[in-house]
Amino acid sequence: MLEHCQRAMEQSMISIKKEDKIQNTVIRSKTKVTDVLTRIDSLKWRWTGHMLRGTQEKWSNIITDWYPREGRRNRGRQSKRWEDELKLTAGPNGEGLLETEYNGNC
């Protein structure tokens, strides 16, 4: 949803209509705007590194690890937690995190 909104804004920045059918890569090269999802991922990894370097008594670490549900969970697809996406990218043991730090993406 964010991608669609960003593309629509970029099209309006350079006065292009959808009917013109110009590729998104061409529009992105003209506007020189960074992708919103890439920016979100990089900020999330920067925050993760910031939290890992801090002490465990900080309120940000306590709040991030806090899991408020007690008892049974609701039916349906469960909402994603912040740590679920980190585990998906870094792997369960953090193998992908080492590669990310080596590339300088943190």
Protein backbone atom coordinates (compact mmCIF):
# COMPACT_ATOMS: atom_id res chain seq x y z
CA MET A 1 0.00 0.00 0.00
CA LEU A 2 2.86 2.36 0.77
CA GLU A 3 4.45 1.51 -2.57
CA HIS A 4 1.32 2.51 -4.47
CA CYS A 5 1.01 5.76 -2.58
CA GLN A 6 4.67 6.60 -3.17
CA ARG A 7 4.39 5.86 -6.90
CA ALA A 8 1.31 8.05 -7.19
CA MET A 9 3.12 10.89 -5.42
CA GLU A 10 6.16 10.52 -7.67
CA GLN A 11 3.93 10.62 -10.75
CA SER A 12 2.32 13.82 -9.55
CA MET A 13 5.75 15.33 -8.78
CA ILE A 14 6.74 15.14 -12.45
CA SER A 15 3.22 15.63 -13.87
CA ILE A 16 2.74 12.16 -15.34
CA LYS A 17 -0.63 10.49 -15.66
CA LYS A 18 -1.24 6.77 -15.28
CA GLU A 19 -2.47 6.69 -18.86
CA ASP A 20 1.04 7.60 -20.06
CA LYS A 21 2.17 4.12 -18.93
CA ILE A 22 5.74 5.09 -18.07
CA GLN A 23 7.70 2.45 -16.17
CA ASN A 24 8.30 2.95 -12.48
CA THR A 25 12.06 2.68 -12.92
CA VAL A 26 12.02 5.65 -15.30
CA ILE A 27 9.91 7.68 -12.89
CA ARG A 28 12.18 6.71 -9.98
CA SER A 29 15.28 7.79 -11.92
CA LYS A 30 13.72 11.19 -12.64
CA THR A 31 12.52 11.89 -9.10
CA LYS A 32 15.58 10.39 -7.33
CA VAL A 33 13.43 9.44 -4.35
CA THR A 34 14.44 6.45 -2.23
CA ASP A 35 12.02 3.56 -1.96
CA VAL A 36 9.88 3.80 1.17
CA LEU A 37 10.07 0.09 2.02
CA THR A 38 13.86 0.06 1.67
CA ARG A 39 14.05 3.09 3.94
CA ILE A 40 11.80 1.45 6.52
CA ASP A 41 13.95 -1.69 6.55
CA SER A 42 17.17 0.27 6.96
CA LEU A 43 15.72 2.32 9.82
CA LYS A 44 14.46 -0.84 11.51
CA TRP A 45 17.93 -2.41 11.33
CA ARG A 46 19.56 0.78 12.62
CA TRP A 47 17.20 0.75 15.59
CA THR A 48 17.98 -2.93 16.20
CA GLY A 49 21.70 -2.18 16.28
CA HIS A 50 21.08 0.74 18.62
CA MET A 51 19.12 -1.48 21.00
CA LEU A 52 21.68 -4.30 20.91
CA ARG A 53 24.46 -1.91 21.87
CA GLY A 54 22.51 -0.55 24.84
CA THR A 55 21.95 -2.02 28.27
CA GLN A 56 19.09 -4.40 29.04
CA GLU A 57 17.63 -2.04 31.66
CA LYS A 58 16.66 0.60 29.10
CA TRP A 59 12.92 1.10 28.68
CA SER A 60 13.17 0.63 24.89
CA ASN A 61 14.54 -2.91 25.33
CA ILE A 62 11.93 -3.76 27.96
CA ILE A 63 9.05 -2.47 25.80
CA THR A 64 10.30 -4.25 22.67
CA ASP A 65 10.51 -7.63 24.40
CA TRP A 66 7.21 -7.15 26.24
CA TYR A 67 4.46 -9.54 25.16
CA PRO A 68 1.14 -8.35 26.66
CA ARG A 69 -1.14 -11.29 25.94
CA GLU A 70 -2.06 -13.66 28.69
CA GLY A 71 -4.15 -16.74 28.17
CA ARG A 72 -5.66 -17.69 24.84
CA ARG A 73 -4.97 -15.93 21.56
CA ASN A 74 -7.67 -14.77 19.16
CA ARG A 75 -8.64 -16.75 16.07
CA GLY A 76 -7.33 -15.95 12.61
CA ARG A 77 -3.97 -14.83 11.33
CA GLN A 78 -1.82 -13.60 14.14
CA SER A 79 -0.39 -10.11 13.92
CA LYS A 80 3.30 -9.89 13.12
CA ARG A 81 5.60 -8.76 15.84
CA TRP A 82 8.67 -6.64 15.34
CA GLU A 83 10.97 -9.52 16.23
CA ASP A 84 9.26 -11.88 13.75
CA GLU A 85 10.48 -9.83 10.79
CA LEU A 86 13.97 -9.59 12.27
CA LYS A 87 14.10 -13.37 12.66
CA LEU A 88 12.88 -13.77 9.09
CA THR A 89 15.68 -11.58 7.74
CA ALA A 90 18.50 -12.53 10.11
CA GLY A 91 17.57 -16.17 10.61
CA PRO A 92 16.78 -17.83 13.94
CA ASN A 93 20.40 -17.74 15.11
CA GLY A 94 21.33 -14.41 13.52
CA GLU A 95 23.44 -15.76 10.65
CA GLY A 96 21.99 -13.20 8.24
CA LEU A 97 22.75 -10.39 10.67
CA LEU A 98 26.47 -10.97 10.32
CA GLU A 99 26.22 -10.72 6.53
CA THR A 100 24.15 -7.54 6.84
CA GLU A 101 26.70 -5.90 9.14
CA TYR A 102 29.52 -6.90 6.80
CA ASN A 103 27.81 -5.21 3.86
CA GLY A 104 27.34 -2.03 5.88
CA ASN A 105 23.55 -2.03 5.71
CA CYS A 106 23.04 -1.58 9.44
